[in-house]
Amino acid sequence: MKRIVALLPILLLSSTLAQASSAEAWKKRHDTMVQACINASHLSKVQVLGEAIEYDDTIGYSALLLEGRYPQRHMQNRRGRELCLFQRSSGRASVSEADRLRWVQ
């Protein structure tokens, strides 16, 4: 019993350290999200506007606002926006037109 009590603080400390992510891991995940959203975009010359909105793990999505130009001839190279939803568990991105979203600075 004394051994279990003596090992308990060590086990508790080691479990919290194992759950921490490095800054490098966060950057890699962010870069993966940005690239997946850009690849899913229908716009040309696409760029990210602002920072990602990170939903908690029960939702499992991150949202990213993209801006670029419509490549279709009838759109006459107009500027457009898309909202990208990135599913963190699968690494899949889905985009939807978001021209009505207003950019707030």
N, C-alpha and C. Protein backbone atom coordinates (compact mmCIF):
# COMPACT_ATOMS: atom_id res chain seq x y z
N MET A 1 0.82 -1.19 0.00
CA MET A 1 0.00 0.00 0.00
C MET A 1 0.86 1.25 0.00
N LYS A 2 1.98 1.22 0.76
CA LYS A 2 2.86 2.38 0.82
C LYS A 2 3.47 2.66 -0.55
N ARG A 3 3.77 1.62 -1.31
CA ARG A 3 4.36 1.80 -2.63
C ARG A 3 3.37 2.50 -3.57
N ILE A 4 2.12 2.12 -3.51
CA ILE A 4 1.10 2.74 -4.36
C ILE A 4 0.98 4.22 -4.03
N VAL A 5 0.94 4.55 -2.75
CA VAL A 5 0.84 5.94 -2.33
C VAL A 5 2.08 6.72 -2.75
N ALA A 6 3.25 6.09 -2.68
CA ALA A 6 4.49 6.76 -3.07
C ALA A 6 4.56 6.96 -4.58
N LEU A 7 4.01 6.05 -5.38
CA LEU A 7 4.05 6.16 -6.83
C LEU A 7 2.94 7.05 -7.40
N LEU A 8 1.91 7.29 -6.63
CA LEU A 8 0.78 8.07 -7.13
C LEU A 8 1.17 9.46 -7.62
N PRO A 9 1.95 10.27 -6.90
CA PRO A 9 2.33 11.58 -7.43
C PRO A 9 3.14 11.50 -8.72
N ILE A 10 3.99 10.50 -8.82
CA ILE A 10 4.80 10.34 -10.04
C ILE A 10 3.91 10.00 -11.22
N LEU A 11 2.95 9.12 -11.03
CA LEU A 11 2.02 8.76 -12.10
C LEU A 11 1.17 9.94 -12.52
N LEU A 12 0.71 10.72 -11.58
CA LEU A 12 -0.11 11.88 -11.90
C LEU A 12 0.68 12.93 -12.69
N LEU A 13 1.90 13.17 -12.29
CA LEU A 13 2.73 14.15 -13.00
C LEU A 13 3.08 13.68 -14.40
N SER A 14 3.39 12.41 -14.54
CA SER A 14 3.78 11.91 -15.86
C SER A 14 2.60 11.88 -16.82
N SER A 15 1.41 11.68 -16.34
CA SER A 15 0.25 11.64 -17.23
C SER A 15 -0.07 13.02 -17.79
N THR A 16 0.12 14.09 -17.02
CA THR A 16 -0.15 15.43 -17.55
C THR A 16 0.93 15.85 -18.54
N LEU A 17 2.13 15.42 -18.34
CA LEU A 17 3.20 15.76 -19.27
C LEU A 17 3.00 15.06 -20.60
N ALA A 18 2.48 13.88 -20.58
CA ALA A 18 2.28 13.13 -21.82
C ALA A 18 1.18 13.74 -22.68
N GLN A 19 0.25 14.47 -22.08
CA GLN A 19 -0.86 15.05 -22.82
C GLN A 19 -0.52 16.39 -23.46
N ALA A 20 0.54 17.02 -23.01
CA ALA A 20 0.90 18.34 -23.53
C ALA A 20 1.43 18.22 -24.95
N SER A 21 1.04 19.18 -25.81
CA SER A 21 1.52 19.21 -27.19
C SER A 21 2.58 20.29 -27.33
N SER A 22 3.55 20.02 -28.14
CA SER A 22 4.61 21.00 -28.35
C SER A 22 4.12 22.09 -29.29
N ALA A 23 4.80 23.20 -29.28
CA ALA A 23 4.48 24.29 -30.21
C ALA A 23 4.66 23.82 -31.65
N GLU A 24 5.62 22.96 -31.85
CA GLU A 24 5.86 22.41 -33.19
C GLU A 24 4.68 21.58 -33.68
N ALA A 25 4.09 20.79 -32.78
CA ALA A 25 2.93 19.98 -33.14
C ALA A 25 1.72 20.85 -33.47
N TRP A 26 1.52 21.93 -32.72
CA TRP A 26 0.41 22.86 -33.00
C TRP A 26 0.62 23.53 -34.36
N LYS A 27 1.84 23.92 -34.64
CA LYS A 27 2.12 24.58 -35.92
C LYS A 27 1.90 23.61 -37.08
N LYS A 28 2.31 22.37 -36.91
CA LYS A 28 2.12 21.37 -37.96
C LYS A 28 0.63 21.14 -38.21
N ARG A 29 -0.18 21.06 -37.14
CA ARG A 29 -1.61 20.87 -37.29
C ARG A 29 -2.25 22.07 -37.99
N HIS A 30 -1.82 23.28 -37.62
CA HIS A 30 -2.33 24.49 -38.26
C HIS A 30 -1.96 24.52 -39.74
N ASP A 31 -0.73 24.20 -40.06
CA ASP A 31 -0.30 24.17 -41.47
C ASP A 31 -1.08 23.14 -42.27
N THR A 32 -1.36 21.99 -41.65
CA THR A 32 -2.15 20.95 -42.31
C THR A 32 -3.56 21.46 -42.60
N MET A 33 -4.15 22.16 -41.62
CA MET A 33 -5.49 22.71 -41.79
C MET A 33 -5.52 23.74 -42.91
N VAL A 34 -4.57 24.65 -42.91
CA VAL A 34 -4.51 25.70 -43.94
C VAL A 34 -4.37 25.08 -45.32
N GLN A 35 -3.49 24.11 -45.46
CA GLN A 35 -3.28 23.48 -46.76
C GLN A 35 -4.52 22.71 -47.21
N ALA A 36 -5.19 22.01 -46.30
CA ALA A 36 -6.41 21.28 -46.66
C ALA A 36 -7.51 22.24 -47.09
N CYS A 37 -7.63 23.38 -46.42
CA CYS A 37 -8.65 24.37 -46.79
C CYS A 37 -8.34 25.01 -48.14
N ILE A 38 -7.09 25.32 -48.39
CA ILE A 38 -6.70 25.90 -49.68
C ILE A 38 -6.96 24.90 -50.80
N ASN A 39 -6.64 23.63 -50.57
CA ASN A 39 -6.88 22.60 -51.58
C ASN A 39 -8.36 22.40 -51.86
N ALA A 40 -9.21 22.58 -50.85
CA ALA A 40 -10.65 22.40 -51.02
C ALA A 40 -11.33 23.63 -51.64
N SER A 41 -10.64 24.75 -51.64
CA SER A 41 -11.22 26.01 -52.13
C SER A 41 -11.47 25.97 -53.63
N HIS A 42 -12.50 26.69 -54.04
CA HIS A 42 -12.81 26.84 -55.46
C HIS A 42 -12.30 28.18 -55.99
N LEU A 43 -11.63 28.95 -55.16
CA LEU A 43 -11.13 30.26 -55.54
C LEU A 43 -9.70 30.15 -56.05
N SER A 44 -9.29 31.15 -56.84
CA SER A 44 -7.88 31.24 -57.23
C SER A 44 -7.22 32.32 -56.39
N LYS A 45 -5.92 32.27 -56.29
CA LYS A 45 -5.14 33.22 -55.48
C LYS A 45 -5.71 33.31 -54.06
N VAL A 46 -6.02 32.15 -53.50
CA VAL A 46 -6.67 32.09 -52.20
C VAL A 46 -5.69 32.38 -51.08
N GLN A 47 -6.18 33.10 -50.07
CA GLN A 47 -5.38 33.40 -48.88
C GLN A 47 -6.27 33.32 -47.65
N VAL A 48 -5.67 33.14 -46.50
CA VAL A 48 -6.40 33.01 -45.25
C VAL A 48 -6.63 34.40 -44.67
N LEU A 49 -7.86 34.65 -44.21
CA LEU A 49 -8.17 35.90 -43.52
C LEU A 49 -8.25 35.63 -42.03
N GLY A 50 -7.49 36.34 -41.24
CA GLY A 50 -7.57 36.21 -39.79
C GLY A 50 -7.04 34.90 -39.25
N GLU A 51 -7.49 34.59 -38.05
CA GLU A 51 -7.07 33.39 -37.34
C GLU A 51 -8.17 32.34 -37.39
N ALA A 52 -7.81 31.11 -37.19
CA ALA A 52 -8.78 30.01 -37.16
C ALA A 52 -9.64 30.11 -35.91
N ILE A 53 -10.87 29.68 -36.04
CA ILE A 53 -11.77 29.56 -34.89
C ILE A 53 -11.75 28.09 -34.50
N GLU A 54 -11.28 27.83 -33.30
CA GLU A 54 -11.11 26.45 -32.82
C GLU A 54 -12.29 26.07 -31.93
N TYR A 55 -13.12 25.13 -32.38
CA TYR A 55 -14.19 24.61 -31.54
C TYR A 55 -13.61 23.53 -30.63
N ASP A 56 -14.29 23.27 -29.51
CA ASP A 56 -13.73 22.30 -28.57
C ASP A 56 -13.78 20.89 -29.15
N ASP A 57 -13.17 19.97 -28.45
CA ASP A 57 -13.01 18.60 -28.96
C ASP A 57 -14.32 17.84 -29.08
N THR A 58 -15.38 18.27 -28.37
CA THR A 58 -16.66 17.60 -28.53
C THR A 58 -17.25 17.89 -29.90
N ILE A 59 -16.93 19.02 -30.49
CA ILE A 59 -17.36 19.38 -31.85
C ILE A 59 -16.34 18.84 -32.85
N GLY A 60 -15.05 19.09 -32.60
CA GLY A 60 -13.99 18.53 -33.43
C GLY A 60 -13.70 19.25 -34.73
N TYR A 61 -14.16 20.49 -34.85
CA TYR A 61 -13.93 21.27 -36.07
C TYR A 61 -13.17 22.56 -35.78
N SER A 62 -12.51 23.04 -36.80
CA SER A 62 -11.92 24.37 -36.80
C SER A 62 -12.48 25.08 -38.03
N ALA A 63 -12.66 26.39 -37.93
CA ALA A 63 -13.20 27.17 -39.05
C ALA A 63 -12.17 28.20 -39.47
N LEU A 64 -12.10 28.42 -40.78
CA LEU A 64 -11.12 29.34 -41.35
C LEU A 64 -11.79 30.11 -42.48
N LEU A 65 -11.60 31.42 -42.50
CA LEU A 65 -12.16 32.25 -43.56
C LEU A 65 -11.11 32.45 -44.65
N LEU A 66 -11.51 32.17 -45.88
CA LEU A 66 -10.61 32.28 -47.03
C LEU A 66 -11.09 33.38 -47.95
N GLU A 67 -10.16 33.99 -48.66
CA GLU A 67 -10.50 34.99 -49.66
C GLU A 67 -9.65 34.77 -50.89
N GLY A 68 -10.25 35.01 -52.04
CA GLY A 68 -9.54 34.84 -53.30
C GLY A 68 -10.35 35.44 -54.44
N ARG A 69 -10.11 34.95 -55.63
CA ARG A 69 -10.80 35.44 -56.83
C ARG A 69 -11.56 34.28 -57.47
N TYR A 70 -12.76 34.58 -57.96
CA TYR A 70 -13.54 33.57 -58.69
C TYR A 70 -12.89 33.35 -60.05
N PRO A 71 -12.51 32.11 -60.37
CA PRO A 71 -11.81 31.85 -61.64
C PRO A 71 -12.76 31.72 -62.84
N GLN A 72 -14.06 31.57 -62.60
CA GLN A 72 -14.99 31.39 -63.70
C GLN A 72 -15.09 32.67 -64.54
N ARG A 73 -15.17 32.48 -65.82
CA ARG A 73 -15.19 33.62 -66.75
C ARG A 73 -16.37 34.56 -66.45
N HIS A 74 -17.55 34.01 -66.21
CA HIS A 74 -18.71 34.85 -65.97
C HIS A 74 -18.63 35.63 -64.66
N MET A 75 -17.75 35.22 -63.76
CA MET A 75 -17.57 35.95 -62.49
C MET A 75 -16.60 37.12 -62.63
N GLN A 76 -15.95 37.21 -63.76
CA GLN A 76 -15.09 38.35 -64.11
C GLN A 76 -14.02 38.65 -63.06
N ASN A 77 -13.43 37.58 -62.50
CA ASN A 77 -12.32 37.71 -61.56
C ASN A 77 -12.70 38.48 -60.29
N ARG A 78 -13.98 38.44 -59.93
CA ARG A 78 -14.42 39.15 -58.72
C ARG A 78 -13.84 38.49 -57.47
N ARG A 79 -13.69 39.30 -56.44
CA ARG A 79 -13.21 38.81 -55.16
C ARG A 79 -14.32 38.03 -54.47
N GLY A 80 -13.95 36.93 -53.83
CA GLY A 80 -14.93 36.12 -53.12
C GLY A 80 -14.37 35.56 -51.83
N ARG A 81 -15.27 35.10 -50.98
CA ARG A 81 -14.89 34.51 -49.70
C ARG A 81 -15.53 33.14 -49.55
N GLU A 82 -14.83 32.29 -48.83
CA GLU A 82 -15.34 30.97 -48.50
C GLU A 82 -15.04 30.69 -47.03
N LEU A 83 -15.95 29.97 -46.40
CA LEU A 83 -15.74 29.50 -45.04
C LEU A 83 -15.34 28.04 -45.12
N CYS A 84 -14.22 27.71 -44.52
CA CYS A 84 -13.71 26.34 -44.53
C CYS A 84 -13.92 25.73 -43.15
N LEU A 85 -14.54 24.55 -43.12
CA LEU A 85 -14.65 23.77 -41.90
C LEU A 85 -13.69 22.60 -42.01
N PHE A 86 -12.79 22.50 -41.06
CA PHE A 86 -11.76 21.47 -41.04
C PHE A 86 -12.07 20.50 -39.92
N GLN A 87 -12.28 19.24 -40.27
CA GLN A 87 -12.52 18.20 -39.28
C GLN A 87 -11.18 17.68 -38.79
N ARG A 88 -10.87 17.96 -37.55
CA ARG A 88 -9.54 17.64 -37.03
C ARG A 88 -9.27 16.14 -36.96
N SER A 89 -10.27 15.33 -36.68
CA SER A 89 -10.04 13.89 -36.53
C SER A 89 -9.70 13.22 -37.87
N SER A 90 -10.32 13.67 -38.95
CA SER A 90 -10.08 13.04 -40.25
C SER A 90 -9.12 13.83 -41.13
N GLY A 91 -8.94 15.12 -40.84
CA GLY A 91 -8.09 15.96 -41.67
C GLY A 91 -8.78 16.44 -42.94
N ARG A 92 -10.12 16.29 -43.01
CA ARG A 92 -10.86 16.71 -44.20
C ARG A 92 -11.35 18.14 -44.06
N ALA A 93 -11.37 18.84 -45.19
CA ALA A 93 -11.84 20.22 -45.23
C ALA A 93 -13.03 20.32 -46.18
N SER A 94 -13.97 21.17 -45.81
CA SER A 94 -15.14 21.43 -46.65
C SER A 94 -15.34 22.94 -46.70
N VAL A 95 -15.61 23.46 -47.90
CA VAL A 95 -15.77 24.90 -48.04
C VAL A 95 -17.17 25.23 -48.54
N SER A 96 -17.61 26.43 -48.19
CA SER A 96 -18.90 26.93 -48.64
C SER A 96 -18.75 28.43 -48.89
N GLU A 97 -19.48 28.93 -49.88
CA GLU A 97 -19.41 30.35 -50.21
C GLU A 97 -19.78 31.18 -48.99
N ALA A 98 -19.04 32.23 -48.75
CA ALA A 98 -19.26 33.08 -47.58
C ALA A 98 -19.11 34.55 -47.95
N ASP A 99 -19.57 34.91 -49.14
CA ASP A 99 -19.43 36.30 -49.58
C ASP A 99 -20.20 37.27 -48.69
N ARG A 100 -21.22 36.78 -48.00
CA ARG A 100 -22.01 37.67 -47.15
C ARG A 100 -21.38 37.88 -45.78
N LEU A 101 -20.35 37.13 -45.45
CA LEU A 101 -19.67 37.36 -44.17
C LEU A 101 -18.91 38.68 -44.23
N ARG A 102 -19.03 39.44 -43.20
CA ARG A 102 -18.38 40.73 -43.15
C ARG A 102 -17.07 40.61 -42.39
N TRP A 103 -16.04 41.22 -42.89
CA TRP A 103 -14.71 41.20 -42.27
C TRP A 103 -14.65 42.33 -41.26
N VAL A 104 -14.42 42.02 -39.98
CA VAL A 104 -14.35 43.01 -38.92
C VAL A 104 -12.91 43.12 -38.47
N GLN A 105 -12.43 44.35 -38.40
CA GLN A 105 -11.05 44.55 -37.94
C GLN A 105 -11.01 45.17 -36.57
